[in-house]
Amino acid sequence: TNSKSATYNKEQQEKYRWVEYHKWKFKGRMFTALTSGQ
C-alpha cells in the first residue's frame, strides 16, 4: 500500500488485473405543469 515501495506497482498490477465491483444507480425525473396551455 506504500506507493514508494519497490514492489508497489507490481502488486497493484496483480490487484487490479481483473476489476470487480457491483454498481447500483437510480435516477428519476417528474414533470408537472403548473399552468395551462402550450
PDB file of all heavy atoms in Angstrom:
ATOM      1  N   THR A   1       0.820  -1.217   0.000  1.00  0.00           N
ATOM      2  CA  THR A   1       0.000   0.000   0.000  1.00  0.00           C
ATOM      3  C   THR A   1       0.851   1.264   0.000  1.00  0.00           C
ATOM      4  O   THR A   1       0.323   2.358  -0.147  1.00  0.00           O
ATOM      5  CB  THR A   1      -0.909   0.024   1.245  1.00  0.00           C
ATOM      6  OG1 THR A   1      -0.101  -0.072   2.426  1.00  0.00           O
ATOM      7  CG2 THR A   1      -1.891  -1.140   1.212  1.00  0.00           C
ATOM      8  N   ASN A   2       2.146   1.112   0.152  1.00  0.00           N
ATOM      9  CA  ASN A   2       3.058   2.252   0.133  1.00  0.00           C
ATOM     10  C   ASN A   2       3.505   2.529  -1.292  1.00  0.00           C
ATOM     11  O   ASN A   2       4.197   1.717  -1.905  1.00  0.00           O
ATOM     12  CB  ASN A   2       4.270   1.969   1.034  1.00  0.00           C
ATOM     13  CG  ASN A   2       5.213   3.164   1.104  1.00  0.00           C
ATOM     14  OD1 ASN A   2       4.960   4.211   0.503  1.00  0.00           O
ATOM     15  ND2 ASN A   2       6.297   3.003   1.846  1.00  0.00           N
ATOM     16  N   SER A   3       3.126   3.681  -1.850  1.00  0.00           N
ATOM     17  CA  SER A   3       3.431   3.992  -3.246  1.00  0.00           C
ATOM     18  C   SER A   3       4.925   4.133  -3.501  1.00  0.00           C
ATOM     19  O   SER A   3       5.366   4.100  -4.648  1.00  0.00           O
ATOM     20  CB  SER A   3       2.718   5.285  -3.663  1.00  0.00           C
ATOM     21  OG  SER A   3       3.144   6.370  -2.863  1.00  0.00           O
ATOM     22  N   LYS A   4       5.727   4.301  -2.452  1.00  0.00           N
ATOM     23  CA  LYS A   4       7.173   4.416  -2.622  1.00  0.00           C
ATOM     24  C   LYS A   4       7.870   3.057  -2.565  1.00  0.00           C
ATOM     25  O   LYS A   4       9.075   2.959  -2.762  1.00  0.00           O
ATOM     26  CB  LYS A   4       7.752   5.342  -1.549  1.00  0.00           C
ATOM     27  CG  LYS A   4       7.236   6.778  -1.651  1.00  0.00           C
ATOM     28  CD  LYS A   4       7.865   7.665  -0.589  1.00  0.00           C
ATOM     29  CE  LYS A   4       7.341   9.095  -0.711  1.00  0.00           C
ATOM     30  NZ  LYS A   4       7.942   9.980   0.326  1.00  0.00           N
ATOM     31  N   SER A   5       7.116   2.023  -2.281  1.00  0.00           N
ATOM     32  CA  SER A   5       7.689   0.688  -2.212  1.00  0.00           C
ATOM     33  C   SER A   5       8.102   0.202  -3.598  1.00  0.00           C
ATOM     34  O   SER A   5       7.449   0.489  -4.597  1.00  0.00           O
ATOM     35  CB  SER A   5       6.663  -0.287  -1.610  1.00  0.00           C
ATOM     36  OG  SER A   5       7.092  -1.615  -1.745  1.00  0.00           O
ATOM     37  N   ALA A   6       9.185  -0.537  -3.654  1.00  0.00           N
ATOM     38  CA  ALA A   6       9.698  -1.029  -4.935  1.00  0.00           C
ATOM     39  C   ALA A   6       8.739  -2.024  -5.569  1.00  0.00           C
ATOM     40  O   ALA A   6       8.723  -2.196  -6.784  1.00  0.00           O
ATOM     41  CB  ALA A   6      11.071  -1.673  -4.733  1.00  0.00           C
ATOM     42  N   THR A   7       7.946  -2.696  -4.761  1.00  0.00           N
ATOM     43  CA  THR A   7       7.014  -3.705  -5.276  1.00  0.00           C
ATOM     44  C   THR A   7       5.605  -3.166  -5.461  1.00  0.00           C
ATOM     45  O   THR A   7       4.710  -3.900  -5.853  1.00  0.00           O
ATOM     46  CB  THR A   7       6.958  -4.906  -4.311  1.00  0.00           C
ATOM     47  OG1 THR A   7       6.485  -4.456  -3.026  1.00  0.00           O
ATOM     48  CG2 THR A   7       8.334  -5.540  -4.153  1.00  0.00           C
ATOM     49  N   TYR A   8       5.418  -1.866  -5.195  1.00  0.00           N
ATOM     50  CA  TYR A   8       4.062  -1.296  -5.210  1.00  0.00           C
ATOM     51  C   TYR A   8       3.389  -1.469  -6.560  1.00  0.00           C
ATOM     52  O   TYR A   8       2.284  -2.002  -6.647  1.00  0.00           O
ATOM     53  CB  TYR A   8       4.127   0.183  -4.829  1.00  0.00           C
ATOM     54  CG  TYR A   8       2.787   0.882  -4.908  1.00  0.00           C
ATOM     55  CD1 TYR A   8       1.853   0.731  -3.892  1.00  0.00           C
ATOM     56  CD2 TYR A   8       2.467   1.688  -5.996  1.00  0.00           C
ATOM     57  CE1 TYR A   8       0.623   1.364  -3.955  1.00  0.00           C
ATOM     58  CE2 TYR A   8       1.242   2.332  -6.065  1.00  0.00           C
ATOM     59  CZ  TYR A   8       0.328   2.164  -5.052  1.00  0.00           C
ATOM     60  OH  TYR A   8      -0.887   2.790  -5.121  1.00  0.00           O
ATOM     61  N   ASN A   9       4.040  -1.022  -7.632  1.00  0.00           N
ATOM     62  CA  ASN A   9       3.386  -1.066  -8.939  1.00  0.00           C
ATOM     63  C   ASN A   9       3.112  -2.499  -9.390  1.00  0.00           C
ATOM     64  O   ASN A   9       2.066  -2.797  -9.953  1.00  0.00           O
ATOM     65  CB  ASN A   9       4.239  -0.355  -9.986  1.00  0.00           C
ATOM     66  CG  ASN A   9       3.504  -0.207 -11.312  1.00  0.00           C
ATOM     67  OD1 ASN A   9       2.540   0.527 -11.432  1.00  0.00           O
ATOM     68  ND2 ASN A   9       3.963  -0.948 -12.309  1.00  0.00           N
ATOM     69  N   LYS A  10       4.062  -3.404  -9.112  1.00  0.00           N
ATOM     70  CA  LYS A  10       3.872  -4.795  -9.498  1.00  0.00           C
ATOM     71  C   LYS A  10       2.677  -5.406  -8.782  1.00  0.00           C
ATOM     72  O   LYS A  10       1.872  -6.126  -9.398  1.00  0.00           O
ATOM     73  CB  LYS A  10       5.140  -5.600  -9.186  1.00  0.00           C
ATOM     74  CG  LYS A  10       5.047  -7.053  -9.591  1.00  0.00           C
ATOM     75  CD  LYS A  10       6.332  -7.797  -9.290  1.00  0.00           C
ATOM     76  CE  LYS A  10       6.233  -9.262  -9.698  1.00  0.00           C
ATOM     77  NZ  LYS A  10       7.488 -10.001  -9.395  1.00  0.00           N
ATOM     78  N   GLU A  11       2.544  -5.103  -7.502  1.00  0.00           N
ATOM     79  CA  GLU A  11       1.428  -5.669  -6.750  1.00  0.00           C
ATOM     80  C   GLU A  11       0.105  -4.973  -7.097  1.00  0.00           C
ATOM     81  O   GLU A  11      -0.957  -5.591  -7.007  1.00  0.00           O
ATOM     82  CB  GLU A  11       1.715  -5.582  -5.257  1.00  0.00           C
ATOM     83  CG  GLU A  11       2.910  -6.445  -4.856  1.00  0.00           C
ATOM     84  CD  GLU A  11       2.995  -6.682  -3.358  1.00  0.00           C
ATOM     85  OE1 GLU A  11       2.101  -6.210  -2.634  1.00  0.00           O
ATOM     86  OE2 GLU A  11       3.950  -7.343  -2.927  1.00  0.00           O
ATOM     87  N   GLN A  12       0.169  -3.701  -7.503  1.00  0.00           N
ATOM     88  CA  GLN A  12      -1.040  -3.053  -7.991  1.00  0.00           C
ATOM     89  C   GLN A  12      -1.520  -3.706  -9.282  1.00  0.00           C
ATOM     90  O   GLN A  12      -2.724  -3.842  -9.520  1.00  0.00           O
ATOM     91  CB  GLN A  12      -0.787  -1.563  -8.217  1.00  0.00           C
ATOM     92  CG  GLN A  12      -0.564  -0.757  -6.948  1.00  0.00           C
ATOM     93  CD  GLN A  12      -1.787  -0.737  -6.050  1.00  0.00           C
ATOM     94  OE1 GLN A  12      -1.962  -1.584  -5.185  1.00  0.00           O
ATOM     95  NE2 GLN A  12      -2.633   0.237  -6.249  1.00  0.00           N
ATOM     96  N   GLN A  13      -0.582  -4.115 -10.132  1.00  0.00           N
ATOM     97  CA  GLN A  13      -0.947  -4.823 -11.350  1.00  0.00           C
ATOM     98  C   GLN A  13      -1.676  -6.115 -11.024  1.00  0.00           C
ATOM     99  O   GLN A  13      -2.665  -6.475 -11.675  1.00  0.00           O
ATOM    100  CB  GLN A  13       0.299  -5.124 -12.176  1.00  0.00           C
ATOM    101  CG  GLN A  13       0.986  -3.893 -12.751  1.00  0.00           C
ATOM    102  CD  GLN A  13       2.216  -4.264 -13.544  1.00  0.00           C
ATOM    103  OE1 GLN A  13       2.239  -5.259 -14.263  1.00  0.00           O
ATOM    104  NE2 GLN A  13       3.261  -3.464 -13.412  1.00  0.00           N
ATOM    105  N   GLU A  14      -1.189  -6.841 -10.018  1.00  0.00           N
ATOM    106  CA  GLU A  14      -1.840  -8.079  -9.623  1.00  0.00           C
ATOM    107  C   GLU A  14      -3.220  -7.807  -9.012  1.00  0.00           C
ATOM    108  O   GLU A  14      -4.183  -8.527  -9.265  1.00  0.00           O
ATOM    109  CB  GLU A  14      -0.967  -8.827  -8.614  1.00  0.00           C
ATOM    110  CG  GLU A  14       0.282  -9.444  -9.214  1.00  0.00           C
ATOM    111  CD  GLU A  14      -0.064 -10.495 -10.260  1.00  0.00           C
ATOM    112  OE1 GLU A  14      -0.968 -11.324 -10.002  1.00  0.00           O
ATOM    113  OE2 GLU A  14       0.551 -10.467 -11.339  1.00  0.00           O
ATOM    114  N   LYS A  15      -3.304  -6.723  -8.252  1.00  0.00           N
ATOM    115  CA  LYS A  15      -4.549  -6.403  -7.559  1.00  0.00           C
ATOM    116  C   LYS A  15      -5.664  -6.061  -8.528  1.00  0.00           C
ATOM    117  O   LYS A  15      -6.827  -6.456  -8.334  1.00  0.00           O
ATOM    118  CB  LYS A  15      -4.298  -5.232  -6.601  1.00  0.00           C
ATOM    119  CG  LYS A  15      -5.467  -4.904  -5.694  1.00  0.00           C
ATOM    120  CD  LYS A  15      -5.064  -3.842  -4.685  1.00  0.00           C
ATOM    121  CE  LYS A  15      -6.174  -3.561  -3.695  1.00  0.00           C
ATOM    122  NZ  LYS A  15      -5.773  -2.549  -2.682  1.00  0.00           N
ATOM    123  N   TYR A  16      -5.329  -5.322  -9.588  1.00  0.00           N
ATOM    124  CA  TYR A  16      -6.354  -4.829 -10.498  1.00  0.00           C
ATOM    125  C   TYR A  16      -6.281  -5.474 -11.881  1.00  0.00           C
ATOM    126  O   TYR A  16      -6.776  -4.916 -12.850  1.00  0.00           O
ATOM    127  CB  TYR A  16      -6.250  -3.313 -10.632  1.00  0.00           C
ATOM    128  CG  TYR A  16      -6.429  -2.597  -9.316  1.00  0.00           C
ATOM    129  CD1 TYR A  16      -5.415  -1.812  -8.778  1.00  0.00           C
ATOM    130  CD2 TYR A  16      -7.617  -2.729  -8.606  1.00  0.00           C
ATOM    131  CE1 TYR A  16      -5.586  -1.167  -7.564  1.00  0.00           C
ATOM    132  CE2 TYR A  16      -7.792  -2.096  -7.385  1.00  0.00           C
ATOM    133  CZ  TYR A  16      -6.771  -1.313  -6.875  1.00  0.00           C
ATOM    134  OH  TYR A  16      -6.938  -0.678  -5.661  1.00  0.00           O
ATOM    135  N   ARG A  17      -5.677  -6.642 -11.951  1.00  0.00           N
ATOM    136  CA  ARG A  17      -5.653  -7.342 -13.232  1.00  0.00           C
ATOM    137  C   ARG A  17      -7.077  -7.617 -13.707  1.00  0.00           C
ATOM    138  O   ARG A  17      -7.393  -7.490 -14.889  1.00  0.00           O
ATOM    139  CB  ARG A  17      -4.848  -8.644 -13.111  1.00  0.00           C
ATOM    140  CG  ARG A  17      -4.632  -9.356 -14.439  1.00  0.00           C
ATOM    141  CD  ARG A  17      -3.780 -10.589 -14.261  1.00  0.00           C
ATOM    142  NE  ARG A  17      -2.489 -10.263 -13.689  1.00  0.00           N
ATOM    143  CZ  ARG A  17      -1.442  -9.819 -14.398  1.00  0.00           C
ATOM    144  NH1 ARG A  17      -1.567  -9.639 -15.699  1.00  0.00           N
ATOM    145  NH2 ARG A  17      -0.302  -9.540 -13.803  1.00  0.00           N
ATOM    146  N   TRP A  18      -7.929  -8.037 -12.773  1.00  0.00           N
ATOM    147  CA  TRP A  18      -9.357  -8.191 -13.051  1.00  0.00           C
ATOM    148  C   TRP A  18     -10.122  -7.338 -12.041  1.00  0.00           C
ATOM    149  O   TRP A  18     -10.067  -7.587 -10.847  1.00  0.00           O
ATOM    150  CB  TRP A  18      -9.793  -9.650 -12.961  1.00  0.00           C
ATOM    151  CG  TRP A  18      -9.331 -10.460 -14.123  1.00  0.00           C
ATOM    152  CD1 TRP A  18      -8.225 -11.248 -14.191  1.00  0.00           C
ATOM    153  CD2 TRP A  18      -9.962 -10.535 -15.407  1.00  0.00           C
ATOM    154  NE1 TRP A  18      -8.112 -11.815 -15.435  1.00  0.00           N
ATOM    155  CE2 TRP A  18      -9.176 -11.402 -16.210  1.00  0.00           C
ATOM    156  CE3 TRP A  18     -11.104  -9.973 -15.962  1.00  0.00           C
ATOM    157  CZ2 TRP A  18      -9.495 -11.699 -17.521  1.00  0.00           C
ATOM    158  CZ3 TRP A  18     -11.437 -10.279 -17.277  1.00  0.00           C
ATOM    159  CH2 TRP A  18     -10.634 -11.131 -18.035  1.00  0.00           C
ATOM    160  N   VAL A  19     -10.805  -6.321 -12.536  1.00  0.00           N
ATOM    161  CA  VAL A  19     -11.541  -5.394 -11.680  1.00  0.00           C
ATOM    162  C   VAL A  19     -12.856  -6.037 -11.246  1.00  0.00           C
ATOM    163  O   VAL A  19     -13.509  -6.730 -12.031  1.00  0.00           O
ATOM    164  CB  VAL A  19     -11.834  -4.084 -12.436  1.00  0.00           C
ATOM    165  CG1 VAL A  19     -12.563  -3.095 -11.535  1.00  0.00           C
ATOM    166  CG2 VAL A  19     -10.541  -3.479 -12.954  1.00  0.00           C
ATOM    167  N   GLU A  20     -13.238  -5.794  -9.991  1.00  0.00           N
ATOM    168  CA  GLU A  20     -14.504  -6.325  -9.506  1.00  0.00           C
ATOM    169  C   GLU A  20     -15.265  -5.264  -8.723  1.00  0.00           C
ATOM    170  O   GLU A  20     -14.681  -4.447  -8.009  1.00  0.00           O
ATOM    171  CB  GLU A  20     -14.285  -7.565  -8.639  1.00  0.00           C
ATOM    172  CG  GLU A  20     -13.527  -7.317  -7.344  1.00  0.00           C
ATOM    173  CD  GLU A  20     -13.418  -8.573  -6.493  1.00  0.00           C
ATOM    174  OE1 GLU A  20     -13.254  -9.650  -7.068  1.00  0.00           O
ATOM    175  OE2 GLU A  20     -13.513  -8.447  -5.252  1.00  0.00           O
ATOM    176  N   TYR A  21     -16.584  -5.260  -8.888  1.00  0.00           N
ATOM    177  CA  TYR A  21     -17.445  -4.311  -8.189  1.00  0.00           C
ATOM    178  C   TYR A  21     -18.902  -4.664  -8.462  1.00  0.00           C
ATOM    179  O   TYR A  21     -19.223  -5.468  -9.332  1.00  0.00           O
ATOM    180  CB  TYR A  21     -17.173  -2.872  -8.657  1.00  0.00           C
ATOM    181  CG  TYR A  21     -17.375  -2.645 -10.137  1.00  0.00           C
ATOM    182  CD1 TYR A  21     -18.639  -2.377 -10.666  1.00  0.00           C
ATOM    183  CD2 TYR A  21     -16.303  -2.707 -11.022  1.00  0.00           C
ATOM    184  CE1 TYR A  21     -18.830  -2.173 -12.027  1.00  0.00           C
ATOM    185  CE2 TYR A  21     -16.488  -2.510 -12.383  1.00  0.00           C
ATOM    186  CZ  TYR A  21     -17.747  -2.244 -12.876  1.00  0.00           C
ATOM    187  OH  TYR A  21     -17.926  -2.048 -14.218  1.00  0.00           O
ATOM    188  N   HIS A  22     -19.791  -4.045  -7.709  1.00  0.00           N
ATOM    189  CA  HIS A  22     -21.217  -4.045  -8.039  1.00  0.00           C
ATOM    190  C   HIS A  22     -21.687  -2.604  -7.904  1.00  0.00           C
ATOM    191  O   HIS A  22     -21.445  -1.934  -6.902  1.00  0.00           O
ATOM    192  CB  HIS A  22     -22.029  -4.998  -7.148  1.00  0.00           C
ATOM    193  CG  HIS A  22     -21.775  -4.850  -5.684  1.00  0.00           C
ATOM    194  ND1 HIS A  22     -22.529  -4.030  -4.868  1.00  0.00           N
ATOM    195  CD2 HIS A  22     -20.844  -5.429  -4.878  1.00  0.00           C
ATOM    196  CE1 HIS A  22     -22.094  -4.114  -3.627  1.00  0.00           C
ATOM    197  NE2 HIS A  22     -21.060  -4.945  -3.589  1.00  0.00           N
ATOM    198  N   LYS A  23     -22.346  -2.108  -8.947  1.00  0.00           N
ATOM    199  CA  LYS A  23     -22.701  -0.694  -9.044  1.00  0.00           C
ATOM    200  C   LYS A  23     -24.209  -0.544  -9.189  1.00  0.00           C
ATOM    201  O   LYS A  23     -24.815  -1.131 -10.090  1.00  0.00           O
ATOM    202  CB  LYS A  23     -21.985  -0.065 -10.243  1.00  0.00           C
ATOM    203  CG  LYS A  23     -22.133   1.435 -10.358  1.00  0.00           C
ATOM    204  CD  LYS A  23     -21.257   1.973 -11.492  1.00  0.00           C
ATOM    205  CE  LYS A  23     -21.269   3.491 -11.528  1.00  0.00           C
ATOM    206  NZ  LYS A  23     -20.369   4.016 -12.586  1.00  0.00           N
ATOM    207  N   TRP A  24     -24.801   0.274  -8.307  1.00  0.00           N
ATOM    208  CA  TRP A  24     -26.248   0.466  -8.278  1.00  0.00           C
ATOM    209  C   TRP A  24     -26.561   1.935  -8.545  1.00  0.00           C
ATOM    210  O   TRP A  24     -25.918   2.823  -7.972  1.00  0.00           O
ATOM    211  CB  TRP A  24     -26.817   0.072  -6.918  1.00  0.00           C
ATOM    212  CG  TRP A  24     -26.425  -1.304  -6.492  1.00  0.00           C
ATOM    213  CD1 TRP A  24     -25.209  -1.696  -5.987  1.00  0.00           C
ATOM    214  CD2 TRP A  24     -27.220  -2.485  -6.545  1.00  0.00           C
ATOM    215  NE1 TRP A  24     -25.207  -3.046  -5.713  1.00  0.00           N
ATOM    216  CE2 TRP A  24     -26.433  -3.559  -6.051  1.00  0.00           C
ATOM    217  CE3 TRP A  24     -28.536  -2.745  -6.952  1.00  0.00           C
ATOM    218  CZ2 TRP A  24     -26.912  -4.850  -5.955  1.00  0.00           C
ATOM    219  CZ3 TRP A  24     -29.019  -4.045  -6.853  1.00  0.00           C
ATOM    220  CH2 TRP A  24     -28.210  -5.075  -6.362  1.00  0.00           C
ATOM    221  N   LYS A  25     -27.543   2.181  -9.373  1.00  0.00           N
ATOM    222  CA  LYS A  25     -27.882   3.564  -9.684  1.00  0.00           C
ATOM    223  C   LYS A  25     -29.380   3.705  -9.928  1.00  0.00           C
ATOM    224  O   LYS A  25     -30.004   2.842 -10.545  1.00  0.00           O
ATOM    225  CB  LYS A  25     -27.103   4.048 -10.910  1.00  0.00           C
ATOM    226  CG  LYS A  25     -27.220   5.550 -11.133  1.00  0.00           C
ATOM    227  CD  LYS A  25     -26.271   6.051 -12.197  1.00  0.00           C
ATOM    228  CE  LYS A  25     -26.401   7.559 -12.366  1.00  0.00           C
ATOM    229  NZ  LYS A  25     -25.472   8.096 -13.385  1.00  0.00           N
ATOM    230  N   PHE A  26     -29.897   4.850  -9.443  1.00  0.00           N
ATOM    231  CA  PHE A  26     -31.304   5.193  -9.673  1.00  0.00           C
ATOM    232  C   PHE A  26     -31.379   6.660 -10.064  1.00  0.00           C
ATOM    233  O   PHE A  26     -30.699   7.513  -9.474  1.00  0.00           O
ATOM    234  CB  PHE A  26     -32.155   4.950  -8.425  1.00  0.00           C
ATOM    235  CG  PHE A  26     -33.568   5.464  -8.566  1.00  0.00           C
ATOM    236  CD1 PHE A  26     -34.534   4.685  -9.181  1.00  0.00           C
ATOM    237  CD2 PHE A  26     -33.920   6.723  -8.092  1.00  0.00           C
ATOM    238  CE1 PHE A  26     -35.830   5.158  -9.331  1.00  0.00           C
ATOM    239  CE2 PHE A  26     -35.214   7.201  -8.236  1.00  0.00           C
ATOM    240  CZ  PHE A  26     -36.173   6.420  -8.857  1.00  0.00           C
ATOM    241  N   LYS A  27     -32.209   6.959 -11.060  1.00  0.00           N
ATOM    242  CA  LYS A  27     -32.429   8.339 -11.476  1.00  0.00           C
ATOM    243  C   LYS A  27     -33.885   8.511 -11.850  1.00  0.00           C
ATOM    244  O   LYS A  27     -34.430   7.720 -12.627  1.00  0.00           O
ATOM    245  CB  LYS A  27     -31.545   8.699 -12.667  1.00  0.00           C
ATOM    246  CG  LYS A  27     -31.714  10.133 -13.157  1.00  0.00           C
ATOM    247  CD  LYS A  27     -30.768  10.462 -14.294  1.00  0.00           C
ATOM    248  CE  LYS A  27     -30.927  11.897 -14.765  1.00  0.00           C
ATOM    249  NZ  LYS A  27     -29.989  12.234 -15.868  1.00  0.00           N
ATOM    250  N   GLY A  28     -34.511   9.543 -11.299  1.00  0.00           N
ATOM    251  CA  GLY A  28     -35.913   9.805 -11.602  1.00  0.00           C
ATOM    252  C   GLY A  28     -36.168  11.286 -11.805  1.00  0.00           C
ATOM    253  O   GLY A  28     -35.623  12.126 -11.080  1.00  0.00           O
ATOM    254  N   ARG A  29     -36.987  11.608 -12.807  1.00  0.00           N
ATOM    255  CA  ARG A  29     -37.413  12.986 -13.051  1.00  0.00           C
ATOM    256  C   ARG A  29     -38.919  12.997 -13.268  1.00  0.00           C
ATOM    257  O   ARG A  29     -39.456  12.160 -14.005  1.00  0.00           O
ATOM    258  CB  ARG A  29     -36.715  13.587 -14.277  1.00  0.00           C
ATOM    259  CG  ARG A  29     -35.220  13.725 -14.135  1.00  0.00           C
ATOM    260  CD  ARG A  29     -34.638  14.684 -15.171  1.00  0.00           C
ATOM    261  NE  ARG A  29     -34.922  14.276 -16.539  1.00  0.00           N
ATOM    262  CZ  ARG A  29     -34.650  15.037 -17.606  1.00  0.00           C
ATOM    263  NH1 ARG A  29     -34.141  16.250 -17.447  1.00  0.00           N
ATOM    264  NH2 ARG A  29     -34.917  14.580 -18.817  1.00  0.00           N
ATOM    265  N   MET A  30     -39.601  13.957 -12.646  1.00  0.00           N
ATOM    266  CA  MET A  30     -41.036  14.120 -12.812  1.00  0.00           C
ATOM    267  C   MET A  30     -41.322  15.536 -13.296  1.00  0.00           C
ATOM    268  O   MET A  30     -40.696  16.504 -12.837  1.00  0.00           O
ATOM    269  CB  MET A  30     -41.774  13.858 -11.496  1.00  0.00           C
ATOM    270  CG  MET A  30     -41.655  12.428 -10.996  1.00  0.00           C
ATOM    271  SD  MET A  30     -42.663  12.131  -9.524  1.00  0.00           S
ATOM    272  CE  MET A  30     -44.304  12.391 -10.184  1.00  0.00           C
ATOM    273  N   PHE A  31     -42.273  15.658 -14.229  1.00  0.00           N
ATOM    274  CA  PHE A  31     -42.628  16.942 -14.811  1.00  0.00           C
ATOM    275  C   PHE A  31     -44.094  17.233 -14.497  1.00  0.00           C
ATOM    276  O   PHE A  31     -44.977  16.416 -14.786  1.00  0.00           O
ATOM    277  CB  PHE A  31     -42.400  16.925 -16.319  1.00  0.00           C
ATOM    278  CG  PHE A  31     -40.972  16.634 -16.706  1.00  0.00           C
ATOM    279  CD1 PHE A  31     -40.555  15.322 -16.917  1.00  0.00           C
ATOM    280  CD2 PHE A  31     -40.048  17.655 -16.839  1.00  0.00           C
ATOM    281  CE1 PHE A  31     -39.252  15.039 -17.265  1.00  0.00           C
ATOM    282  CE2 PHE A  31     -38.734  17.379 -17.185  1.00  0.00           C
ATOM    283  CZ  PHE A  31     -38.335  16.075 -17.399  1.00  0.00           C
ATOM    284  N   THR A  32     -44.343  18.415 -13.922  1.00  0.00           N
ATOM    285  CA  THR A  32     -45.688  18.809 -13.518  1.00  0.00           C
ATOM    286  C   THR A  32     -46.007  20.184 -14.083  1.00  0.00           C
ATOM    287  O   THR A  32     -45.287  21.161 -13.804  1.00  0.00           O
ATOM    288  CB  THR A  32     -45.813  18.857 -11.984  1.00  0.00           C
ATOM    289  OG1 THR A  32     -45.398  17.597 -11.438  1.00  0.00           O
ATOM    290  CG2 THR A  32     -47.241  19.150 -11.571  1.00  0.00           C
ATOM    291  N   ALA A  33     -47.071  20.283 -14.890  1.00  0.00           N
ATOM    292  CA  ALA A  33     -47.499  21.570 -15.441  1.00  0.00           C
ATOM    293  C   ALA A  33     -48.244  22.350 -14.366  1.00  0.00           C
ATOM    294  O   ALA A  33     -49.245  21.876 -13.829  1.00  0.00           O
ATOM    295  CB  ALA A  33     -48.383  21.351 -16.661  1.00  0.00           C
ATOM    296  N   LEU A  34     -47.761  23.560 -14.058  1.00  0.00           N
ATOM    297  CA  LEU A  34     -48.373  24.380 -13.016  1.00  0.00           C
ATOM    298  C   LEU A  34     -49.406  25.344 -13.570  1.00  0.00           C
ATOM    299  O   LEU A  34     -50.207  25.899 -12.809  1.00  0.00           O
ATOM    300  CB  LEU A  34     -47.289  25.161 -12.262  1.00  0.00           C
ATOM    301  CG  LEU A  34     -46.198  24.310 -11.606  1.00  0.00           C
ATOM    302  CD1 LEU A  34     -45.199  25.204 -10.883  1.00  0.00           C
ATOM    303  CD2 LEU A  34     -46.794  23.297 -10.640  1.00  0.00           C
ATOM    304  N   THR A  35     -49.375  25.577 -14.889  1.00  0.00           N
ATOM    305  CA  THR A  35     -50.376  26.415 -15.552  1.00  0.00           C
ATOM    306  C   THR A  35     -50.877  25.672 -16.783  1.00  0.00           C
ATOM    307  O   THR A  35     -50.322  24.635 -17.168  1.00  0.00           O
ATOM    308  CB  THR A  35     -49.788  27.782 -15.953  1.00  0.00           C
ATOM    309  OG1 THR A  35     -48.666  27.574 -16.824  1.00  0.00           O
ATOM    310  CG2 THR A  35     -49.334  28.562 -14.725  1.00  0.00           C
ATOM    311  N   SER A  36     -51.903  26.192 -17.415  1.00  0.00           N
ATOM    312  CA  SER A  36     -52.484  25.535 -18.582  1.00  0.00           C
ATOM    313  C   SER A  36     -51.915  26.117 -19.871  1.00  0.00           C
ATOM    314  O   SER A  36     -51.240  27.154 -19.861  1.00  0.00           O
ATOM    315  CB  SER A  36     -54.006  25.694 -18.577  1.00  0.00           C
ATOM    316  OG  SER A  36     -54.356  27.076 -18.581  1.00  0.00           O
ATOM    317  N   GLY A  37     -52.181  25.444 -20.998  1.00  0.00           N
ATOM    318  CA  GLY A  37     -51.736  25.923 -22.294  1.00  0.00           C
ATOM    319  C   GLY A  37     -50.423  25.299 -22.716  1.00  0.00           C
ATOM    320  O   GLY A  37     -49.758  24.579 -21.955  1.00  0.00           O
ATOM    321  N   GLN A  38     -50.045  25.566 -23.985  1.00  0.00           N
ATOM    322  CA  GLN A  38     -48.788  25.048 -24.517  1.00  0.00           C
ATOM    323  C   GLN A  38     -47.592  25.660 -23.811  1.00  0.00           C
ATOM    324  O   GLN A  38     -46.667  24.980 -23.395  1.00  0.00           O
ATOM    325  CB  GLN A  38     -48.706  25.319 -26.018  1.00  0.00           C
ATOM    326  CG  GLN A  38     -49.616  24.450 -26.876  1.00  0.00           C
ATOM    327  CD  GLN A  38     -49.150  23.010 -26.911  1.00  0.00           C
ATOM    328  OE1 GLN A  38     -49.693  22.153 -26.220  1.00  0.00           O
ATOM    329  NE2 GLN A  38     -48.141  22.744 -27.712  1.00  0.00           N
TER     330      GLN A  38
END
